[in-house]
Amino acid sequence: MQWWQRGGVLYRAAGPAASTFPLPAPDQGARVVLLEDVSAFQLRAWEPGQGWRNLPAAAPARAGATGLELVLGLRAEGEGAARGFRRVFALD
């Protein structure tokens, strides 16, 4: 699965399921609009001993990542400032 922001729109595309890496590339033609009026989108992985690592990164996150952070900035119609949303997920 791949997520990206272009302009003020957040998209998602998914590829075929697989049980080994590297995963098949997502089909960009089958992209889905998830959110509009997005002013910021960031994903980071927590790697013990290394700290937060921005995703996607040149080097992939290690299998030992124990957390994932999602940060979104959303603009509501008629509002000047973006509203922030942050969620941290623990990975088992």
Protein backbone atom coordinates (compact mmCIF):
# COMPACT_ATOMS: atom_id res chain seq x y z
CA MET A 1 0.00 0.00 0.00
CA GLN A 2 1.25 3.48 -0.78
CA TRP A 3 0.06 6.84 0.53
CA TRP A 4 1.09 10.25 -0.83
CA GLN A 5 0.06 13.89 -0.89
CA ARG A 6 -0.15 15.90 -4.09
CA GLY A 7 -1.33 19.47 -3.74
CA GLY A 8 -4.00 19.44 -1.05
CA VAL A 9 -5.14 15.86 -1.70
CA LEU A 10 -4.12 12.66 0.13
CA TYR A 11 -4.14 9.52 -2.08
CA ARG A 12 -3.80 5.78 -1.50
CA ALA A 13 -2.98 2.97 -3.91
CA ALA A 14 -2.65 -0.74 -3.21
CA GLY A 15 -0.77 -3.50 -4.98
CA PRO A 16 -1.29 -7.25 -5.00
CA ALA A 17 -0.88 -9.05 -1.68
CA ALA A 18 2.41 -10.86 -1.11
CA SER A 19 4.10 -12.74 1.73
CA THR A 20 7.70 -11.78 0.85
CA PHE A 21 9.66 -8.56 0.33
CA PRO A 22 9.93 -6.54 -1.78
CA LEU A 23 6.18 -6.11 -2.14
CA PRO A 24 4.74 -5.57 -5.63
CA ALA A 25 4.40 -1.90 -6.60
CA PRO A 26 0.93 -0.39 -6.17
CA ASP A 27 -1.14 0.31 -9.27
CA GLN A 28 -1.07 4.14 -9.55
CA GLY A 29 -4.03 3.98 -11.93
CA ALA A 30 -6.18 2.56 -9.14
CA ARG A 31 -5.45 5.38 -6.72
CA VAL A 32 -8.18 6.50 -4.34
CA VAL A 33 -8.70 10.02 -2.95
CA LEU A 34 -8.77 9.73 0.85
CA LEU A 35 -8.85 13.36 2.01
CA GLU A 36 -8.93 16.82 0.48
CA ASP A 37 -7.68 20.11 1.96
CA VAL A 38 -4.60 18.37 3.40
CA SER A 39 -1.86 20.85 4.29
CA ALA A 40 0.60 18.34 5.80
CA PHE A 41 1.16 14.57 5.71
CA GLN A 42 4.03 12.76 7.43
CA LEU A 43 4.76 9.18 8.47
CA ARG A 44 7.61 8.21 10.80
CA ALA A 45 8.77 4.91 12.26
CA TRP A 46 10.23 4.58 15.77
CA GLU A 47 13.36 2.44 15.83
CA PRO A 48 14.68 1.66 19.33
CA GLY A 49 18.15 3.08 19.77
CA GLN A 50 17.77 5.20 16.61
CA GLY A 51 14.66 7.32 17.28
CA TRP A 52 12.11 8.56 14.74
CA ARG A 53 12.82 7.91 11.04
CA ASN A 54 10.87 9.70 8.30
CA LEU A 55 9.05 7.42 5.87
CA PRO A 56 9.54 6.81 3.07
CA ALA A 57 13.27 6.95 3.55
CA ALA A 58 16.19 6.13 1.28
CA ALA A 59 16.91 3.14 3.52
CA PRO A 60 13.84 1.14 4.59
CA ALA A 61 12.82 1.04 8.23
CA ARG A 62 14.27 -1.94 10.02
CA ALA A 63 12.02 -4.83 10.92
CA GLY A 64 12.57 -3.83 14.57
CA ALA A 65 10.49 -0.65 14.34
CA THR A 66 8.17 -0.58 17.36
CA GLY A 67 6.00 2.43 16.54
CA LEU A 68 4.46 4.39 13.70
CA GLU A 69 3.51 8.08 13.83
CA LEU A 70 0.97 9.70 11.47
CA VAL A 71 0.73 13.51 11.30
CA LEU A 72 -1.94 15.29 9.25
CA GLY A 73 -2.70 18.97 8.81
CA LEU A 74 -6.24 19.66 7.58
CA ARG A 75 -7.79 22.92 6.46
CA ALA A 76 -11.49 23.34 7.13
CA GLU A 77 -13.43 25.45 4.66
CA GLY A 78 -13.50 29.08 5.80
CA GLU A 79 -10.72 28.61 8.37
CA GLY A 80 -7.32 30.22 7.94
CA ALA A 81 -5.16 27.94 10.06
CA ALA A 82 -4.78 24.20 9.57
CA ARG A 83 -5.89 21.81 12.29
CA GLY A 84 -3.31 19.26 13.32
CA PHE A 85 -3.87 15.58 13.92
CA ARG A 86 -1.21 13.23 15.34
CA ARG A 87 -1.55 9.57 16.17
CA VAL A 88 1.14 7.15 17.37
CA PHE A 89 0.58 3.42 16.89
CA ALA A 90 2.48 0.77 18.84
CA LEU A 91 3.72 -2.11 16.67
CA ASP A 92 3.97 -5.57 18.22
